[in-house]
Amino acid sequence: MTATATTSAIRLVPGNVVPALTVDTLSGSAWNLAEQKPRNYTMVVFYRGLHCPLCAEYLKQLNSKLSQFKDLGIEVIAISGDTRQKAVASAETWDVNALTLGYGLTREAMQQWGLYVSKGAFDYEPAYFNEPGLFLIDPDGVLFFASVNNAPYGRTDLDALLGGLDFVLNHNYPVRGTEV
């Protein structure tokens, strides 16, 4: 067994302000987290990219539940390090055109957000790409919820998340995981 990483990873702590985040979107405009004004939360879903069949299934599920998130006052964006061309192919191939897709996430931004970064192991994978992550950020830029994976499987269950958020919003549930 060999270890290849020698640096410590960043971990975002709930209850604290998240790093800045600006990405280009398929709509042709830049999306800036600081400019988002959701009723309750902005949900940022980081996905691996076009090369990932599990991402395709996850984003299809997310796309089908956008109205449920919107009803809870949650605005959603899915972001990868893919090029515009690959992001367009993802939207078209996966039929997730209702979902806002951001692209061009830099390796530096991946690391600032505490995402695991993988080196491409196969010809069809990018040289480097982020592994999945899902974050809920309140309108003040404060992290409410974080789920980070080091592999494409084991992601946050969207139905469970919707049920949990319904409870959170109706019971003034506090931020958890703030003790470091």
Protein backbone atom coordinates (compact mmCIF):
# COMPACT_ATOMS: atom_id res chain seq x y z
CA MET A 1 0.00 0.00 0.00
CA THR A 2 1.39 3.39 -0.97
CA ALA A 3 0.28 6.88 -0.13
CA THR A 4 0.65 9.55 -2.78
CA ALA A 5 -0.79 12.65 -1.12
CA THR A 6 1.53 14.55 1.16
CA THR A 7 -0.46 17.70 1.85
CA SER A 8 -3.26 18.15 4.32
CA ALA A 9 -6.74 18.69 2.96
CA ILE A 10 -8.97 21.65 3.65
CA ARG A 11 -12.21 20.94 5.46
CA LEU A 12 -15.01 23.45 5.36
CA VAL A 13 -16.68 23.88 8.73
CA PRO A 14 -20.44 24.37 8.94
CA GLY A 15 -21.41 27.71 10.45
CA ASN A 16 -18.53 29.50 8.70
CA VAL A 17 -18.47 31.49 5.47
CA VAL A 18 -17.55 29.41 2.43
CA PRO A 19 -14.84 30.33 -0.10
CA ALA A 20 -15.65 32.54 -3.07
CA LEU A 21 -16.96 30.68 -6.09
CA THR A 22 -17.48 31.94 -9.62
CA VAL A 23 -17.94 29.70 -12.67
CA ASP A 24 -19.17 30.09 -16.22
CA THR A 25 -22.52 28.48 -17.02
CA LEU A 26 -24.08 27.06 -20.14
CA SER A 27 -26.43 30.04 -20.25
CA GLY A 28 -23.39 32.10 -21.24
CA SER A 29 -23.13 34.09 -18.04
CA ALA A 30 -20.88 33.84 -15.02
CA TRP A 31 -22.46 32.46 -11.85
CA ASN A 32 -21.16 33.98 -8.63
CA LEU A 33 -22.11 32.45 -5.28
CA ALA A 34 -21.89 35.84 -3.53
CA GLU A 35 -24.64 37.18 -5.83
CA GLN A 36 -27.11 34.37 -5.08
CA LYS A 37 -30.14 35.33 -3.00
CA PRO A 38 -32.13 32.15 -2.40
CA ARG A 39 -35.07 32.17 -0.01
CA ASN A 40 -33.27 29.53 2.10
CA TYR A 41 -30.16 27.94 0.58
CA THR A 42 -28.01 27.67 -2.50
CA MET A 43 -27.19 24.03 -3.20
CA VAL A 44 -23.86 23.54 -4.95
CA VAL A 45 -23.39 20.06 -6.35
CA PHE A 46 -19.89 19.31 -7.56
CA TYR A 47 -19.78 16.44 -10.05
CA ARG A 48 -16.85 14.67 -11.68
CA GLY A 49 -17.68 15.41 -15.31
CA LEU A 50 -18.88 13.95 -18.58
CA HIS A 51 -16.70 10.86 -18.20
CA CYS A 52 -18.66 9.69 -15.13
CA PRO A 53 -21.77 7.50 -15.67
CA LEU A 54 -22.70 7.76 -11.98
CA CYS A 55 -22.69 11.56 -12.33
CA ALA A 56 -25.11 11.19 -15.23
CA GLU A 57 -27.56 9.23 -13.09
CA TYR A 58 -27.19 11.59 -10.13
CA LEU A 59 -27.73 14.73 -12.20
CA LYS A 60 -30.74 13.15 -13.92
CA GLN A 61 -32.26 12.53 -10.48
CA LEU A 62 -31.40 16.06 -9.39
CA ASN A 63 -32.88 17.52 -12.58
CA SER A 64 -36.15 15.65 -11.90
CA LYS A 65 -36.34 17.07 -8.35
CA LEU A 66 -35.51 20.72 -9.09
CA SER A 67 -39.09 21.88 -8.51
CA GLN A 68 -39.12 20.20 -5.09
CA PHE A 69 -35.92 22.00 -4.10
CA LYS A 70 -37.28 25.27 -5.48
CA ASP A 71 -40.47 24.82 -3.43
CA LEU A 72 -38.23 24.66 -0.34
CA GLY A 73 -36.48 27.89 -1.35
CA ILE A 74 -33.33 26.16 -2.54
CA GLU A 75 -31.58 27.20 -5.74
CA VAL A 76 -29.38 24.55 -7.36
CA ILE A 77 -26.26 24.54 -9.50
CA ALA A 78 -24.11 21.58 -10.58
CA ILE A 79 -20.43 22.29 -11.31
CA SER A 80 -17.49 20.38 -12.75
CA GLY A 81 -14.02 21.08 -14.03
CA ASP A 82 -15.13 20.11 -17.53
CA THR A 83 -14.69 22.38 -20.51
CA ARG A 84 -17.73 24.15 -21.97
CA GLN A 85 -17.84 21.59 -24.78
CA LYS A 86 -18.01 18.70 -22.31
CA ALA A 87 -20.58 20.49 -20.14
CA VAL A 88 -22.78 21.01 -23.22
CA ALA A 89 -22.42 17.31 -24.05
CA SER A 90 -23.39 16.41 -20.47
CA ALA A 91 -26.51 18.58 -20.57
CA GLU A 92 -27.60 17.17 -23.93
CA THR A 93 -26.61 13.52 -23.44
CA TRP A 94 -27.98 13.30 -19.92
CA ASP A 95 -31.07 15.43 -20.68
CA VAL A 96 -30.52 17.74 -17.70
CA ASN A 97 -31.25 20.99 -19.49
CA ALA A 98 -33.36 22.40 -16.62
CA LEU A 99 -30.35 22.19 -14.32
CA THR A 100 -27.90 25.10 -14.21
CA LEU A 101 -24.52 23.64 -15.17
CA GLY A 102 -21.30 25.41 -14.32
CA TYR A 103 -18.01 24.40 -15.86
CA GLY A 104 -14.31 25.16 -15.74
CA LEU A 105 -13.86 24.64 -11.99
CA THR A 106 -10.16 25.10 -11.34
CA ARG A 107 -8.02 22.70 -9.36
CA GLU A 108 -7.38 25.52 -6.88
CA ALA A 109 -11.14 26.01 -6.35
CA MET A 110 -11.59 22.25 -5.93
CA GLN A 111 -9.02 22.32 -3.15
CA GLN A 112 -10.44 25.49 -1.53
CA TRP A 113 -13.82 23.76 -1.28
CA GLY A 114 -12.27 20.69 0.34
CA LEU A 115 -13.11 18.43 -2.57
CA TYR A 116 -11.07 15.34 -3.19
CA VAL A 117 -9.11 15.62 -6.43
CA SER A 118 -8.29 12.56 -8.52
CA LYS A 119 -5.74 12.02 -11.23
CA GLY A 120 -7.17 10.52 -14.40
CA ALA A 121 -6.51 6.79 -14.50
CA PHE A 122 -8.06 6.04 -17.89
CA ASP A 123 -7.77 7.61 -21.34
CA TYR A 124 -11.33 8.97 -21.19
CA GLU A 125 -10.75 10.82 -17.89
CA PRO A 126 -9.35 14.34 -17.56
CA ALA A 127 -5.81 14.71 -16.20
CA TYR A 128 -7.31 15.88 -12.87
CA PHE A 129 -10.90 16.19 -11.71
CA ASN A 130 -12.86 16.71 -8.52
CA GLU A 131 -14.78 13.97 -6.80
CA PRO A 132 -18.41 14.64 -5.77
CA GLY A 133 -19.51 17.11 -3.15
CA LEU A 134 -22.79 18.71 -2.13
CA PHE A 135 -23.03 21.92 -0.10
CA LEU A 136 -25.93 23.99 1.21
CA ILE A 137 -25.06 27.65 1.74
CA ASP A 138 -27.39 30.19 3.33
CA PRO A 139 -28.00 33.62 1.76
CA ASP A 140 -25.20 35.12 3.90
CA GLY A 141 -22.64 32.68 2.47
CA VAL A 142 -22.55 30.50 5.57
CA LEU A 143 -22.22 26.74 5.19
CA PHE A 144 -25.21 24.83 6.55
CA PHE A 145 -24.54 21.32 5.17
CA ALA A 146 -21.60 19.56 3.53
CA SER A 147 -21.18 16.12 2.02
CA VAL A 148 -17.88 15.26 0.34
CA ASN A 149 -16.97 11.97 -1.35
CA ASN A 150 -13.64 10.61 -2.49
CA ALA A 151 -15.26 8.36 -5.11
CA PRO A 152 -18.30 8.59 -7.41
CA TYR A 153 -20.51 6.32 -5.30
CA GLY A 154 -22.08 6.90 -1.88
CA ARG A 155 -23.51 10.34 -2.64
CA THR A 156 -26.15 12.18 -0.65
CA ASP A 157 -29.56 10.60 -1.25
CA LEU A 158 -31.69 13.36 -2.77
CA ASP A 159 -35.00 12.10 -1.40
CA ALA A 160 -33.55 11.85 2.11
CA LEU A 161 -32.08 15.33 1.68
CA LEU A 162 -35.45 16.75 0.62
CA GLY A 163 -37.15 15.16 3.63
CA GLY A 164 -34.46 16.41 5.97
CA LEU A 165 -34.62 19.92 4.57
CA ASP A 166 -38.37 20.02 4.94
CA PHE A 167 -37.89 19.19 8.63
CA VAL A 168 -34.99 21.65 9.03
CA LEU A 169 -36.95 24.53 7.53
CA ASN A 170 -40.12 23.82 9.51
CA HIS A 171 -38.39 23.35 12.87
CA ASN A 172 -35.66 25.99 12.85
CA TYR A 173 -33.08 23.23 13.00
CA PRO A 174 -29.57 24.50 13.84
CA VAL A 175 -26.34 24.05 11.90
CA ARG A 176 -24.61 20.83 12.98
CA GLY A 177 -20.94 19.83 12.98
CA THR A 178 -19.63 23.21 14.07
CA GLU A 179 -17.31 21.90 16.79
CA VAL A 180 -13.78 21.41 15.52
